Amino acid sequence: MTTIYVKNGTPLETQSKCASCLHAHIVSGYRESEELAYCTVAYGPPLVVPSKIYHCTSYTDRSRPTWKQMEDLAIDILPLSSAKSAGFRKHRDRDSPAEDEEESELEAVDR
């Protein structure tokens, strides 16, 4: 007997979306039939999920960090300030005022 393949058919023996959802509260027993899932996405009391869920519009992956957690882990990078100005320098421009004083003293001695 040949097997029939249905494209985009209902998956068999898969894990429920609730198992990896942030809003799920799952109580498991020893058997597979002893499992209760509660959805806490609503602001009211938790909703009982009667069966395994394939797709949920309020699904939030539990392993993905929130924006606040990513901000806390981020390293602040400050731009480096350069003491020198960009571009070409004129001959008159000096790097420090101490050099100006030394050169003005040397010029006075040479005269």
Protein backbone atom coordinates (compact mmCIF):
# COMPACT_ATOMS: atom_id res chain seq x y z
CA MET A 1 0.00 0.00 0.00
CA THR A 2 1.34 3.45 -0.87
CA THR A 3 1.29 6.40 1.49
CA ILE A 4 -0.52 9.52 0.48
CA TYR A 5 1.31 12.80 0.98
CA VAL A 6 -0.82 15.90 1.58
CA LYS A 7 1.00 19.18 1.07
CA ASN A 8 0.68 21.53 4.09
CA GLY A 9 -1.41 18.95 5.91
CA THR A 10 -1.94 18.66 9.64
CA PRO A 11 1.33 17.70 11.38
CA LEU A 12 1.35 14.50 13.40
CA GLU A 13 3.00 13.96 16.79
CA THR A 14 4.38 17.49 17.18
CA GLN A 15 4.93 19.55 20.28
CA SER A 16 2.38 22.22 21.13
CA LYS A 17 3.27 25.90 20.59
CA CYS A 18 2.46 26.43 24.27
CA ALA A 19 5.58 24.46 25.31
CA SER A 20 7.88 27.28 24.15
CA CYS A 21 5.55 30.26 24.74
CA LEU A 22 6.27 32.94 27.33
CA HIS A 23 2.59 33.25 28.29
CA ALA A 24 2.00 29.54 28.92
CA HIS A 25 1.73 27.84 32.29
CA ILE A 26 1.94 24.08 31.75
CA VAL A 27 1.29 21.45 34.40
CA SER A 28 2.45 17.97 33.37
CA GLY A 29 1.76 14.60 34.90
CA TYR A 30 3.46 11.27 34.30
CA ARG A 31 1.42 10.46 31.20
CA GLU A 32 0.99 12.53 28.08
CA SER A 33 -2.74 12.71 28.76
CA GLU A 34 -2.02 14.28 32.17
CA GLU A 35 -1.06 17.70 30.90
CA LEU A 36 -2.86 20.98 31.51
CA ALA A 37 -1.94 24.19 29.72
CA TYR A 38 -3.04 27.65 30.80
CA CYS A 39 -2.63 30.76 28.69
CA THR A 40 -1.87 33.90 30.72
CA VAL A 41 -1.73 36.40 27.84
CA ALA A 42 -5.10 37.93 28.78
CA TYR A 43 -5.40 40.33 31.70
CA GLY A 44 -8.17 38.26 33.27
CA PRO A 45 -7.92 34.75 34.71
CA PRO A 46 -5.74 32.20 32.83
CA LEU A 47 -7.47 30.46 29.94
CA VAL A 48 -7.46 26.67 29.83
CA VAL A 49 -6.03 25.36 26.55
CA PRO A 50 -7.95 22.16 25.75
CA SER A 51 -5.61 20.64 23.14
CA LYS A 52 -2.21 21.00 21.47
CA ILE A 53 -1.85 24.28 19.63
CA TYR A 54 -0.39 24.53 16.12
CA HIS A 55 -0.57 28.34 15.65
CA CYS A 56 -1.28 31.19 18.07
CA THR A 57 -1.49 34.92 17.33
CA SER A 58 -0.28 35.84 20.84
CA TYR A 59 2.74 33.52 20.74
CA THR A 60 5.94 34.96 22.24
CA ASP A 61 9.08 32.81 22.14
CA ARG A 62 10.34 32.16 25.66
CA SER A 63 14.00 31.82 24.60
CA ARG A 64 14.10 35.18 22.80
CA PRO A 65 15.25 38.06 25.03
CA THR A 66 13.06 41.11 25.52
CA TRP A 67 14.11 44.59 24.42
CA LYS A 68 14.89 45.56 28.03
CA GLN A 69 17.13 42.49 28.48
CA MET A 70 19.02 43.33 25.27
CA GLU A 71 19.52 46.93 26.43
CA ASP A 72 20.89 45.71 29.77
CA LEU A 73 23.39 43.42 27.99
CA ALA A 74 24.49 46.02 25.44
CA ILE A 75 27.85 47.76 25.77
CA ASP A 76 27.78 51.55 25.52
CA ILE A 77 30.25 52.72 22.89
CA LEU A 78 31.19 56.36 23.09
CA PRO A 79 32.76 58.12 20.10
CA LEU A 80 36.42 58.96 20.49
CA SER A 81 37.21 62.64 20.71
CA SER A 82 40.22 63.71 18.72
CA ALA A 83 42.40 66.54 19.97
CA LYS A 84 43.51 67.21 16.43
CA SER A 85 41.19 68.74 13.91
CA ALA A 86 40.53 66.89 10.70
CA GLY A 87 41.95 68.03 7.39
CA PHE A 88 45.11 69.91 6.40
CA ARG A 89 46.94 72.05 8.92
CA LYS A 90 48.67 75.32 8.20
CA HIS A 91 52.32 75.78 9.10
CA ARG A 92 51.33 78.23 11.85
CA ASP A 93 49.17 75.69 13.70
CA ARG A 94 50.95 74.00 16.57
CA ASP A 95 50.06 70.90 18.56
CA SER A 96 50.45 72.43 22.04
CA PRO A 97 50.92 75.87 23.61
CA ALA A 98 54.18 74.72 25.27
CA GLU A 99 55.84 74.39 21.86
CA ASP A 100 54.73 77.93 20.97
CA GLU A 101 56.43 79.33 24.08
CA GLU A 102 59.67 77.43 23.41
CA GLU A 103 59.83 78.56 19.77
CA SER A 104 59.05 82.19 20.67
CA GLU A 105 61.92 82.09 23.21
CA LEU A 106 64.27 80.65 20.58
CA GLU A 107 63.29 83.35 18.08
CA ALA A 108 63.93 86.06 20.69
CA VAL A 109 67.41 84.63 21.42
CA ASP A 110 68.28 84.46 17.71
CA ARG A 111 67.54 88.17 17.22
